N, C-alpha and C. Protein backbone atom coordinates (compact mmCIF):
# COMPACT_ATOMS: atom_id res chain seq x y z
N UNK A 1 -30.89 -35.07 -46.98
CA UNK A 1 -29.87 -35.70 -47.79
C UNK A 1 -28.79 -34.64 -48.05
N UNK A 2 -27.57 -35.02 -47.80
CA UNK A 2 -26.47 -34.07 -47.98
C UNK A 2 -26.20 -33.85 -49.47
N UNK A 3 -25.54 -32.78 -49.74
CA UNK A 3 -25.21 -32.43 -51.12
C UNK A 3 -24.31 -33.48 -51.76
N UNK A 4 -23.36 -34.04 -51.00
CA UNK A 4 -22.46 -35.08 -51.50
C UNK A 4 -23.23 -36.36 -51.81
N UNK A 5 -24.18 -36.73 -50.98
CA UNK A 5 -25.00 -37.93 -51.21
C UNK A 5 -25.87 -37.76 -52.45
N UNK A 6 -26.43 -36.56 -52.61
CA UNK A 6 -27.25 -36.28 -53.79
C UNK A 6 -26.40 -36.37 -55.05
N UNK A 7 -25.19 -35.83 -55.00
CA UNK A 7 -24.28 -35.86 -56.14
C UNK A 7 -23.94 -37.32 -56.51
N UNK A 8 -23.65 -38.13 -55.50
CA UNK A 8 -23.33 -39.54 -55.75
C UNK A 8 -24.53 -40.28 -56.33
N UNK A 9 -25.71 -39.99 -55.82
CA UNK A 9 -26.93 -40.63 -56.31
C UNK A 9 -27.18 -40.26 -57.78
N UNK A 10 -27.02 -38.98 -58.11
CA UNK A 10 -27.18 -38.54 -59.50
C UNK A 10 -26.13 -39.17 -60.41
N UNK A 11 -24.90 -39.27 -59.94
CA UNK A 11 -23.83 -39.88 -60.73
C UNK A 11 -24.13 -41.36 -60.97
N UNK A 12 -24.56 -42.06 -59.95
CA UNK A 12 -24.89 -43.48 -60.08
C UNK A 12 -26.06 -43.68 -61.06
N UNK A 13 -27.07 -42.81 -60.96
CA UNK A 13 -28.21 -42.89 -61.88
C UNK A 13 -27.79 -42.63 -63.31
N UNK A 14 -26.92 -41.65 -63.51
CA UNK A 14 -26.43 -41.34 -64.86
C UNK A 14 -25.64 -42.49 -65.44
N UNK A 15 -24.79 -43.09 -64.64
CA UNK A 15 -24.01 -44.25 -65.10
C UNK A 15 -24.92 -45.43 -65.45
N UNK A 16 -25.94 -45.65 -64.65
CA UNK A 16 -26.88 -46.73 -64.94
C UNK A 16 -27.62 -46.48 -66.24
N UNK A 17 -28.01 -45.24 -66.49
CA UNK A 17 -28.70 -44.91 -67.74
C UNK A 17 -27.77 -45.09 -68.94
N UNK A 18 -26.51 -44.70 -68.79
CA UNK A 18 -25.55 -44.88 -69.88
C UNK A 18 -25.35 -46.36 -70.18
N UNK A 19 -25.24 -47.17 -69.14
CA UNK A 19 -25.06 -48.61 -69.34
C UNK A 19 -26.28 -49.21 -70.02
N UNK A 20 -27.48 -48.80 -69.60
CA UNK A 20 -28.70 -49.32 -70.23
C UNK A 20 -28.80 -48.89 -71.68
N UNK A 21 -28.39 -47.66 -71.98
CA UNK A 21 -28.42 -47.17 -73.36
C UNK A 21 -27.44 -47.95 -74.22
N UNK A 22 -26.26 -48.23 -73.68
CA UNK A 22 -25.26 -48.97 -74.45
C UNK A 22 -25.74 -50.38 -74.76
N UNK A 23 -26.43 -50.99 -73.82
CA UNK A 23 -26.95 -52.34 -74.05
C UNK A 23 -28.08 -52.32 -75.08
N UNK A 24 -28.94 -51.31 -74.99
CA UNK A 24 -30.10 -51.24 -75.86
C UNK A 24 -29.77 -50.71 -77.25
N UNK A 25 -28.61 -50.09 -77.42
CA UNK A 25 -28.25 -49.52 -78.72
C UNK A 25 -28.18 -50.61 -79.77
N UNK A 26 -28.67 -50.32 -80.97
CA UNK A 26 -28.62 -51.34 -82.01
C UNK A 26 -27.17 -51.66 -82.37
N UNK A 27 -26.89 -52.92 -82.43
CA UNK A 27 -25.55 -53.38 -82.76
C UNK A 27 -25.45 -53.53 -84.26
N UNK A 28 -24.24 -53.50 -84.75
CA UNK A 28 -24.03 -53.69 -86.18
C UNK A 28 -23.40 -55.05 -86.41
N UNK A 29 -23.50 -55.53 -87.63
CA UNK A 29 -22.91 -56.84 -87.96
C UNK A 29 -21.39 -56.77 -87.95
N UNK A 30 -20.82 -55.57 -87.96
CA UNK A 30 -19.36 -55.42 -87.94
C UNK A 30 -18.82 -55.14 -86.55
N UNK A 31 -19.70 -55.10 -85.55
CA UNK A 31 -19.28 -54.87 -84.17
C UNK A 31 -18.25 -55.92 -83.78
N UNK A 32 -17.09 -55.50 -83.27
CA UNK A 32 -16.05 -56.47 -82.88
C UNK A 32 -16.53 -57.46 -81.82
N UNK A 33 -17.53 -57.08 -81.03
CA UNK A 33 -18.06 -57.97 -79.99
C UNK A 33 -19.13 -58.92 -80.52
N UNK A 34 -19.58 -58.69 -81.74
CA UNK A 34 -20.61 -59.55 -82.32
C UNK A 34 -20.04 -60.94 -82.57
N UNK A 35 -20.83 -61.97 -82.34
CA UNK A 35 -20.33 -63.33 -82.57
C UNK A 35 -20.08 -63.59 -84.06
N UNK A 36 -19.28 -64.58 -84.36
CA UNK A 36 -18.99 -65.00 -85.73
C UNK A 36 -19.48 -66.43 -85.97
N UNK A 37 -20.31 -66.91 -85.04
CA UNK A 37 -20.89 -68.25 -85.16
C UNK A 37 -22.08 -68.34 -84.21
N UNK A 38 -23.01 -69.22 -84.56
CA UNK A 38 -24.10 -69.52 -83.63
C UNK A 38 -23.56 -70.42 -82.54
N UNK A 39 -24.14 -70.33 -81.35
CA UNK A 39 -23.73 -71.22 -80.28
C UNK A 39 -24.00 -72.66 -80.69
N UNK A 40 -23.10 -73.54 -80.30
CA UNK A 40 -23.26 -74.96 -80.63
C UNK A 40 -24.58 -75.46 -80.05
N UNK A 41 -25.40 -76.01 -80.95
CA UNK A 41 -26.72 -76.48 -80.54
C UNK A 41 -27.25 -77.36 -81.66
N UNK A 42 -27.48 -78.62 -81.38
CA UNK A 42 -28.05 -79.51 -82.37
C UNK A 42 -27.06 -79.93 -83.45
N UNK A 43 -27.56 -80.53 -84.51
CA UNK A 43 -26.70 -81.12 -85.54
C UNK A 43 -26.17 -80.14 -86.59
N UNK A 44 -26.61 -78.89 -86.55
CA UNK A 44 -26.17 -77.92 -87.56
C UNK A 44 -25.36 -76.82 -86.90
N UNK A 45 -24.11 -76.66 -87.35
CA UNK A 45 -23.29 -75.56 -86.86
C UNK A 45 -23.13 -74.55 -87.99
N UNK A 46 -23.26 -73.28 -87.65
CA UNK A 46 -23.16 -72.22 -88.65
C UNK A 46 -22.22 -71.15 -88.14
N UNK A 47 -21.26 -70.81 -88.98
CA UNK A 47 -20.35 -69.71 -88.68
C UNK A 47 -20.24 -68.82 -89.91
N UNK A 48 -19.59 -67.69 -89.79
CA UNK A 48 -19.48 -66.79 -90.93
C UNK A 48 -18.18 -66.02 -90.86
N UNK A 49 -17.72 -65.64 -92.05
CA UNK A 49 -16.54 -64.80 -92.17
C UNK A 49 -16.88 -63.40 -91.66
N UNK A 50 -15.88 -62.58 -91.55
CA UNK A 50 -16.06 -61.20 -91.10
C UNK A 50 -17.01 -60.49 -92.07
N UNK A 51 -18.15 -59.99 -91.59
CA UNK A 51 -19.10 -59.33 -92.48
C UNK A 51 -18.54 -58.12 -93.23
N UNK A 52 -17.44 -57.52 -92.74
CA UNK A 52 -16.84 -56.41 -93.47
C UNK A 52 -16.39 -56.83 -94.86
N UNK A 53 -16.14 -58.13 -95.05
CA UNK A 53 -15.69 -58.63 -96.36
C UNK A 53 -16.86 -58.97 -97.27
N UNK A 54 -18.08 -58.95 -96.75
CA UNK A 54 -19.25 -59.31 -97.55
C UNK A 54 -19.53 -58.23 -98.59
N UNK A 55 -19.99 -58.64 -99.75
CA UNK A 55 -20.36 -57.72 -100.82
C UNK A 55 -21.38 -56.70 -100.34
N UNK A 56 -22.29 -57.13 -99.48
CA UNK A 56 -23.33 -56.23 -98.95
C UNK A 56 -22.73 -54.97 -98.35
N UNK A 57 -21.59 -55.11 -97.69
CA UNK A 57 -20.96 -53.95 -97.06
C UNK A 57 -19.89 -53.31 -97.94
N UNK A 58 -19.10 -54.12 -98.60
CA UNK A 58 -18.00 -53.57 -99.42
C UNK A 58 -18.51 -52.68 -100.54
N UNK A 59 -19.63 -53.03 -101.16
CA UNK A 59 -20.12 -52.29 -102.33
C UNK A 59 -21.33 -51.42 -102.06
N UNK A 60 -21.68 -51.25 -100.81
CA UNK A 60 -22.90 -50.49 -100.49
C UNK A 60 -22.66 -48.98 -100.57
N UNK A 61 -23.57 -48.26 -101.23
CA UNK A 61 -23.46 -46.81 -101.22
C UNK A 61 -23.88 -46.20 -99.88
N UNK A 62 -24.47 -47.01 -98.99
CA UNK A 62 -24.82 -46.55 -97.66
C UNK A 62 -24.39 -47.63 -96.66
N UNK A 63 -23.11 -47.67 -96.39
CA UNK A 63 -22.53 -48.69 -95.52
C UNK A 63 -23.16 -48.66 -94.13
N UNK A 64 -23.47 -47.47 -93.63
CA UNK A 64 -24.05 -47.34 -92.29
C UNK A 64 -25.35 -48.14 -92.19
N UNK A 65 -26.24 -47.98 -93.14
CA UNK A 65 -27.51 -48.70 -93.13
C UNK A 65 -27.30 -50.19 -93.41
N UNK A 66 -26.35 -50.51 -94.28
CA UNK A 66 -26.12 -51.91 -94.65
C UNK A 66 -25.60 -52.74 -93.48
N UNK A 67 -24.87 -52.12 -92.56
CA UNK A 67 -24.31 -52.91 -91.46
C UNK A 67 -25.18 -52.91 -90.21
N UNK A 68 -26.28 -52.19 -90.21
CA UNK A 68 -27.15 -52.14 -89.03
C UNK A 68 -27.86 -53.47 -88.79
N UNK A 69 -28.06 -53.77 -87.52
CA UNK A 69 -28.86 -54.92 -87.16
C UNK A 69 -28.06 -56.22 -87.04
N UNK A 70 -28.80 -57.31 -86.96
CA UNK A 70 -28.18 -58.62 -86.77
C UNK A 70 -28.56 -59.57 -87.90
N UNK A 71 -28.65 -59.06 -89.13
CA UNK A 71 -29.14 -59.85 -90.25
C UNK A 71 -28.26 -61.06 -90.56
N UNK A 72 -26.97 -61.00 -90.29
CA UNK A 72 -26.11 -62.16 -90.54
C UNK A 72 -26.51 -63.29 -89.60
N UNK A 73 -26.71 -62.96 -88.35
CA UNK A 73 -27.11 -63.97 -87.37
C UNK A 73 -28.51 -64.53 -87.70
N UNK A 74 -29.41 -63.70 -88.18
CA UNK A 74 -30.74 -64.18 -88.56
C UNK A 74 -30.66 -65.17 -89.72
N UNK A 75 -29.79 -64.91 -90.69
CA UNK A 75 -29.63 -65.85 -91.81
C UNK A 75 -28.98 -67.14 -91.33
N UNK A 76 -28.05 -67.04 -90.40
CA UNK A 76 -27.43 -68.25 -89.84
C UNK A 76 -28.48 -69.10 -89.13
N UNK A 77 -29.36 -68.45 -88.39
CA UNK A 77 -30.44 -69.19 -87.72
C UNK A 77 -31.39 -69.84 -88.71
N UNK A 78 -31.60 -69.20 -89.85
CA UNK A 78 -32.45 -69.78 -90.89
C UNK A 78 -31.81 -71.06 -91.45
N UNK A 79 -30.49 -71.01 -91.69
CA UNK A 79 -29.78 -72.22 -92.13
C UNK A 79 -29.98 -73.33 -91.12
N UNK A 80 -29.76 -73.02 -89.85
CA UNK A 80 -29.88 -74.03 -88.80
C UNK A 80 -31.29 -74.60 -88.74
N UNK A 81 -32.27 -73.74 -88.72
CA UNK A 81 -33.66 -74.17 -88.60
C UNK A 81 -34.09 -75.04 -89.77
N UNK A 82 -33.82 -74.59 -90.98
CA UNK A 82 -34.26 -75.33 -92.16
C UNK A 82 -33.52 -76.67 -92.30
N UNK A 83 -32.22 -76.66 -92.08
CA UNK A 83 -31.44 -77.89 -92.26
C UNK A 83 -31.70 -78.91 -91.16
N UNK A 84 -31.92 -78.47 -89.95
CA UNK A 84 -32.17 -79.39 -88.84
C UNK A 84 -33.38 -80.27 -89.12
N UNK A 85 -34.40 -79.70 -89.74
CA UNK A 85 -35.62 -80.46 -90.05
C UNK A 85 -35.38 -81.50 -91.14
N UNK A 86 -34.35 -81.32 -91.94
CA UNK A 86 -34.11 -82.19 -93.09
C UNK A 86 -33.13 -83.32 -92.79
N UNK A 87 -32.19 -83.09 -91.87
CA UNK A 87 -31.16 -84.09 -91.58
C UNK A 87 -31.75 -85.37 -90.98
N UNK A 88 -31.12 -86.48 -91.29
CA UNK A 88 -31.47 -87.76 -90.68
C UNK A 88 -30.81 -87.86 -89.31
N UNK A 89 -31.34 -88.68 -88.41
CA UNK A 89 -30.74 -88.83 -87.09
C UNK A 89 -29.25 -89.19 -87.20
N UNK A 90 -28.42 -88.50 -86.43
CA UNK A 90 -26.98 -88.75 -86.42
C UNK A 90 -26.20 -87.91 -87.42
N UNK A 91 -26.84 -87.40 -88.45
CA UNK A 91 -26.14 -86.59 -89.43
C UNK A 91 -25.86 -85.20 -88.86
N UNK A 92 -24.76 -84.60 -89.34
CA UNK A 92 -24.42 -83.23 -88.96
C UNK A 92 -24.11 -82.42 -90.20
N UNK A 93 -24.27 -81.12 -90.07
CA UNK A 93 -24.00 -80.21 -91.18
C UNK A 93 -23.24 -79.01 -90.62
N UNK A 94 -22.09 -78.71 -91.24
CA UNK A 94 -21.30 -77.54 -90.87
C UNK A 94 -21.37 -76.56 -92.03
N UNK A 95 -21.72 -75.31 -91.72
CA UNK A 95 -21.85 -74.28 -92.75
C UNK A 95 -21.00 -73.08 -92.36
N UNK A 96 -20.29 -72.54 -93.35
CA UNK A 96 -19.56 -71.28 -93.19
C UNK A 96 -20.04 -70.33 -94.26
N UNK A 97 -20.69 -69.25 -93.84
CA UNK A 97 -21.13 -68.24 -94.81
C UNK A 97 -19.92 -67.40 -95.21
N UNK A 98 -19.66 -67.35 -96.51
CA UNK A 98 -18.47 -66.71 -97.05
C UNK A 98 -18.78 -65.30 -97.56
N UNK A 99 -19.95 -65.12 -98.20
CA UNK A 99 -20.31 -63.82 -98.75
C UNK A 99 -21.82 -63.71 -98.81
N UNK A 100 -22.31 -62.49 -98.59
CA UNK A 100 -23.75 -62.22 -98.66
C UNK A 100 -23.97 -60.89 -99.36
N UNK A 101 -24.92 -60.88 -100.25
CA UNK A 101 -25.43 -59.65 -100.87
C UNK A 101 -26.93 -59.72 -100.72
N UNK A 102 -27.48 -58.84 -99.92
CA UNK A 102 -28.92 -58.84 -99.68
C UNK A 102 -29.68 -58.32 -100.90
N UNK A 103 -30.94 -58.69 -100.97
CA UNK A 103 -31.80 -58.21 -102.06
C UNK A 103 -31.96 -56.70 -101.94
N UNK A 104 -31.93 -56.04 -103.08
CA UNK A 104 -32.10 -54.59 -103.09
C UNK A 104 -30.80 -53.87 -102.82
N UNK A 105 -30.87 -52.55 -102.90
CA UNK A 105 -29.71 -51.72 -102.62
C UNK A 105 -30.18 -50.31 -102.32
N UNK A 106 -29.25 -49.47 -101.88
CA UNK A 106 -29.55 -48.08 -101.58
C UNK A 106 -29.24 -47.24 -102.81
N UNK A 107 -30.09 -46.29 -103.09
CA UNK A 107 -29.91 -45.39 -104.23
C UNK A 107 -29.93 -43.95 -103.73
N UNK A 108 -28.82 -43.49 -103.16
CA UNK A 108 -28.79 -42.16 -102.56
C UNK A 108 -28.97 -41.02 -103.55
N UNK A 109 -28.80 -41.27 -104.82
CA UNK A 109 -28.94 -40.22 -105.83
C UNK A 109 -30.39 -39.74 -105.98
N UNK A 110 -31.34 -40.42 -105.34
CA UNK A 110 -32.74 -39.98 -105.39
C UNK A 110 -33.01 -38.84 -104.40
N UNK A 111 -32.01 -38.47 -103.64
CA UNK A 111 -32.17 -37.36 -102.71
C UNK A 111 -31.92 -37.80 -101.28
N UNK A 112 -31.78 -36.84 -100.37
CA UNK A 112 -31.44 -37.16 -98.99
C UNK A 112 -32.49 -38.02 -98.27
N UNK A 113 -33.72 -37.90 -98.65
CA UNK A 113 -34.76 -38.70 -97.98
C UNK A 113 -34.73 -40.16 -98.43
N UNK A 114 -34.14 -40.44 -99.57
CA UNK A 114 -34.09 -41.81 -100.08
C UNK A 114 -32.80 -42.52 -99.70
N UNK A 115 -31.91 -41.83 -99.02
CA UNK A 115 -30.60 -42.39 -98.70
C UNK A 115 -30.68 -43.65 -97.83
N UNK A 116 -31.69 -43.75 -96.98
CA UNK A 116 -31.80 -44.88 -96.04
C UNK A 116 -32.82 -45.92 -96.47
N UNK A 117 -33.29 -45.84 -97.70
CA UNK A 117 -34.33 -46.75 -98.17
C UNK A 117 -33.73 -47.79 -99.10
N UNK A 118 -33.95 -49.06 -98.77
CA UNK A 118 -33.48 -50.15 -99.63
C UNK A 118 -34.47 -50.30 -100.77
N UNK A 119 -33.99 -50.14 -101.99
CA UNK A 119 -34.81 -50.22 -103.19
C UNK A 119 -34.68 -51.63 -103.77
N UNK A 120 -35.81 -52.28 -104.02
CA UNK A 120 -35.81 -53.62 -104.61
C UNK A 120 -36.02 -53.50 -106.11
N UNK A 121 -35.04 -53.96 -106.85
CA UNK A 121 -35.10 -54.00 -108.32
C UNK A 121 -34.47 -55.32 -108.78
N UNK A 122 -34.83 -55.74 -109.99
CA UNK A 122 -34.26 -56.98 -110.55
C UNK A 122 -32.75 -56.95 -110.62
N UNK A 123 -32.17 -55.77 -110.74
CA UNK A 123 -30.71 -55.66 -110.87
C UNK A 123 -29.98 -55.84 -109.55
N UNK A 124 -30.72 -55.98 -108.44
CA UNK A 124 -30.13 -56.18 -107.12
C UNK A 124 -30.61 -57.51 -106.51
N UNK A 125 -30.31 -58.64 -107.13
CA UNK A 125 -30.81 -59.91 -106.58
C UNK A 125 -30.05 -60.33 -105.32
N UNK A 126 -30.68 -61.13 -104.46
CA UNK A 126 -29.98 -61.65 -103.29
C UNK A 126 -28.99 -62.73 -103.71
N UNK A 127 -27.88 -62.80 -102.94
CA UNK A 127 -26.87 -63.83 -103.23
C UNK A 127 -26.21 -64.24 -101.92
N UNK A 128 -26.09 -65.53 -101.71
CA UNK A 128 -25.41 -66.06 -100.53
C UNK A 128 -24.42 -67.12 -100.99
N UNK A 129 -23.17 -66.95 -100.59
CA UNK A 129 -22.14 -67.94 -100.91
C UNK A 129 -21.69 -68.58 -99.60
N UNK A 130 -21.59 -69.91 -99.59
CA UNK A 130 -21.20 -70.59 -98.36
C UNK A 130 -20.51 -71.91 -98.68
N UNK A 131 -19.81 -72.42 -97.68
CA UNK A 131 -19.17 -73.74 -97.76
C UNK A 131 -19.91 -74.64 -96.78
N UNK A 132 -19.98 -75.92 -97.11
CA UNK A 132 -20.71 -76.83 -96.23
C UNK A 132 -20.04 -78.20 -96.22
N UNK A 133 -20.26 -78.91 -95.12
CA UNK A 133 -19.82 -80.30 -94.98
C UNK A 133 -20.95 -81.07 -94.31
N UNK A 134 -21.43 -82.08 -95.01
CA UNK A 134 -22.48 -82.96 -94.50
C UNK A 134 -21.82 -84.26 -94.07
N UNK A 135 -22.04 -84.66 -92.82
CA UNK A 135 -21.45 -85.89 -92.29
C UNK A 135 -22.54 -86.85 -91.85
N UNK A 136 -22.25 -88.13 -92.02
CA UNK A 136 -23.16 -89.17 -91.56
C UNK A 136 -23.01 -89.41 -90.07
N UNK A 137 -23.84 -90.28 -89.55
CA UNK A 137 -23.80 -90.60 -88.13
C UNK A 137 -22.47 -91.20 -87.69
N UNK A 138 -21.73 -91.80 -88.62
CA UNK A 138 -20.43 -92.38 -88.30
C UNK A 138 -19.28 -91.39 -88.44
N UNK A 139 -19.59 -90.12 -88.77
CA UNK A 139 -18.57 -89.09 -88.92
C UNK A 139 -17.97 -89.00 -90.32
N UNK A 140 -18.35 -89.92 -91.21
CA UNK A 140 -17.85 -89.90 -92.58
C UNK A 140 -18.46 -88.72 -93.35
N UNK A 141 -17.65 -88.08 -94.17
CA UNK A 141 -18.14 -86.98 -94.99
C UNK A 141 -18.99 -87.55 -96.12
N UNK A 142 -20.25 -87.14 -96.17
CA UNK A 142 -21.17 -87.59 -97.21
C UNK A 142 -21.16 -86.63 -98.41
N UNK A 143 -20.97 -85.36 -98.13
CA UNK A 143 -20.93 -84.35 -99.19
C UNK A 143 -20.29 -83.10 -98.62
N UNK A 144 -19.55 -82.42 -99.47
CA UNK A 144 -19.00 -81.13 -99.08
C UNK A 144 -18.75 -80.30 -100.31
N UNK A 145 -18.71 -79.03 -100.11
CA UNK A 145 -18.47 -78.17 -101.25
C UNK A 145 -18.78 -76.73 -100.93
N UNK A 146 -18.86 -75.96 -102.01
CA UNK A 146 -19.20 -74.55 -101.91
C UNK A 146 -20.42 -74.32 -102.77
N UNK A 147 -21.32 -73.51 -102.30
CA UNK A 147 -22.54 -73.21 -103.06
C UNK A 147 -22.74 -71.70 -103.12
N UNK A 148 -23.25 -71.25 -104.24
CA UNK A 148 -23.64 -69.85 -104.39
C UNK A 148 -25.11 -69.84 -104.77
N UNK A 149 -25.91 -69.27 -103.90
CA UNK A 149 -27.35 -69.17 -104.12
C UNK A 149 -27.65 -67.78 -104.65
N UNK A 150 -28.46 -67.73 -105.69
CA UNK A 150 -28.83 -66.45 -106.29
C UNK A 150 -30.19 -66.62 -106.96
N UNK A 151 -31.02 -65.60 -106.86
CA UNK A 151 -32.33 -65.64 -107.49
C UNK A 151 -32.56 -64.32 -108.21
N UNK A 152 -32.26 -64.30 -109.51
CA UNK A 152 -32.43 -63.07 -110.28
C UNK A 152 -33.90 -62.77 -110.55
N UNK A 153 -34.78 -63.73 -110.32
CA UNK A 153 -36.22 -63.51 -110.48
C UNK A 153 -36.93 -63.37 -109.15
N UNK A 154 -36.20 -62.93 -108.13
CA UNK A 154 -36.75 -62.89 -106.76
C UNK A 154 -38.00 -62.03 -106.63
N UNK A 155 -38.14 -61.02 -107.46
CA UNK A 155 -39.32 -60.15 -107.36
C UNK A 155 -40.55 -60.75 -108.04
N UNK A 156 -40.34 -61.77 -108.86
CA UNK A 156 -41.44 -62.34 -109.63
C UNK A 156 -41.93 -63.68 -109.09
N UNK A 157 -41.11 -64.36 -108.30
CA UNK A 157 -41.47 -65.69 -107.82
C UNK A 157 -42.21 -65.71 -106.51
N UNK A 158 -42.27 -64.61 -105.81
CA UNK A 158 -42.92 -64.60 -104.51
C UNK A 158 -42.04 -65.22 -103.45
N UNK A 159 -42.37 -64.97 -102.22
CA UNK A 159 -41.59 -65.49 -101.10
C UNK A 159 -42.21 -66.75 -100.52
N UNK A 160 -43.34 -67.14 -101.04
CA UNK A 160 -43.98 -68.34 -100.52
C UNK A 160 -44.89 -68.07 -99.34
N UNK A 161 -44.82 -66.87 -98.76
CA UNK A 161 -45.64 -66.53 -97.62
C UNK A 161 -46.39 -65.25 -97.94
N UNK A 162 -47.68 -65.34 -98.00
CA UNK A 162 -48.53 -64.20 -98.34
C UNK A 162 -48.33 -63.08 -97.33
N UNK A 163 -48.10 -61.87 -97.82
CA UNK A 163 -47.98 -60.70 -96.95
C UNK A 163 -46.74 -60.67 -96.10
N UNK A 164 -45.73 -61.42 -96.45
CA UNK A 164 -44.51 -61.47 -95.65
C UNK A 164 -43.79 -60.12 -95.72
N UNK A 165 -43.53 -59.53 -94.58
CA UNK A 165 -42.84 -58.24 -94.54
C UNK A 165 -41.44 -58.37 -93.93
N UNK A 166 -40.97 -59.58 -93.74
CA UNK A 166 -39.63 -59.81 -93.21
C UNK A 166 -38.60 -59.21 -94.17
N UNK A 167 -37.73 -58.31 -93.70
CA UNK A 167 -36.76 -57.70 -94.60
C UNK A 167 -35.77 -58.70 -95.19
N UNK A 168 -35.68 -59.90 -94.61
CA UNK A 168 -34.77 -60.93 -95.11
C UNK A 168 -35.52 -62.06 -95.83
N UNK A 169 -36.75 -61.82 -96.22
CA UNK A 169 -37.58 -62.89 -96.80
C UNK A 169 -36.97 -63.48 -98.07
N UNK A 170 -36.33 -62.69 -98.90
CA UNK A 170 -35.76 -63.21 -100.15
C UNK A 170 -34.51 -64.06 -99.88
N UNK A 171 -33.70 -63.64 -98.93
CA UNK A 171 -32.52 -64.40 -98.56
C UNK A 171 -32.90 -65.71 -97.87
N UNK A 172 -33.90 -65.64 -97.00
CA UNK A 172 -34.36 -66.85 -96.31
C UNK A 172 -34.97 -67.84 -97.30
N UNK A 173 -35.62 -67.33 -98.33
CA UNK A 173 -36.17 -68.21 -99.36
C UNK A 173 -35.05 -68.92 -100.10
N UNK A 174 -33.94 -68.23 -100.38
CA UNK A 174 -32.78 -68.88 -101.00
C UNK A 174 -32.30 -70.06 -100.16
N UNK A 175 -32.21 -69.83 -98.87
CA UNK A 175 -31.75 -70.89 -97.96
C UNK A 175 -32.74 -72.04 -97.94
N UNK A 176 -34.02 -71.74 -97.79
CA UNK A 176 -35.05 -72.79 -97.76
C UNK A 176 -35.05 -73.60 -99.06
N UNK A 177 -34.90 -72.92 -100.20
CA UNK A 177 -34.87 -73.62 -101.49
C UNK A 177 -33.67 -74.54 -101.59
N UNK A 178 -32.49 -74.08 -101.12
CA UNK A 178 -31.29 -74.93 -101.17
C UNK A 178 -31.48 -76.16 -100.30
N UNK A 179 -31.99 -75.98 -99.10
CA UNK A 179 -32.20 -77.12 -98.20
C UNK A 179 -33.18 -78.11 -98.82
N UNK A 180 -34.29 -77.62 -99.35
CA UNK A 180 -35.31 -78.49 -99.93
C UNK A 180 -34.82 -79.19 -101.20
N UNK A 181 -34.11 -78.46 -102.03
CA UNK A 181 -33.71 -78.98 -103.34
C UNK A 181 -32.38 -79.74 -103.28
N UNK A 182 -31.33 -79.12 -102.81
CA UNK A 182 -29.99 -79.71 -102.89
C UNK A 182 -29.61 -80.56 -101.69
N UNK A 183 -29.80 -80.03 -100.49
CA UNK A 183 -29.41 -80.79 -99.29
C UNK A 183 -30.26 -82.05 -99.18
N UNK A 184 -31.55 -81.93 -99.38
CA UNK A 184 -32.43 -83.10 -99.29
C UNK A 184 -32.03 -84.17 -100.30
N UNK A 185 -31.60 -83.75 -101.49
CA UNK A 185 -31.17 -84.70 -102.52
C UNK A 185 -29.91 -85.45 -102.06
N UNK A 186 -28.96 -84.75 -101.45
CA UNK A 186 -27.73 -85.39 -100.95
C UNK A 186 -28.05 -86.35 -99.81
N UNK A 187 -28.97 -85.96 -98.96
CA UNK A 187 -29.34 -86.84 -97.84
C UNK A 187 -30.01 -88.10 -98.37
N UNK A 188 -30.87 -87.96 -99.35
CA UNK A 188 -31.56 -89.11 -99.93
C UNK A 188 -30.61 -90.05 -100.66
N UNK A 189 -29.54 -89.48 -101.23
CA UNK A 189 -28.57 -90.30 -101.97
C UNK A 189 -27.67 -91.10 -101.06
N UNK A 190 -27.64 -90.77 -99.78
CA UNK A 190 -26.73 -91.48 -98.86
C UNK A 190 -27.45 -92.27 -97.85
């Protein structure tokens, strides 16, 4: 193998590794390439405002950790999953997540080792604000409005699932409770 061929082979291998690393790198919720809505699928559509405007990021003492991962998309999927099971045939639900504050917060004043640890305390309850439009099978608006979900007793009420270690369990419980309590009531009334 000639020196030029070896050089080209090494260059191609390096470029392939860089591309694989870029794909595998954890994305953030503020990534400009990150979607701002779930793909259209079924009767529930979910979109969200720019996560940079969310309280979770604006007020976080550790913005880097707060924006890591795909937690906005996971909460959107929870809305879709929970609401789809509740809707009557032909009904649709459009949701726009306006603001999110996840349960817990970072307390960097405990030292450098605590900087990346989300601390759960009663003073850091989860909160989700969203707008919604519920439509009947004929396209008529049955209900619409804005809702703010908050659970200041989130540490005392349990998540409903024994041993749940999902980092979004408290936020998902807010969504499940709203669907079961409020959305189901609106569907039953129409």
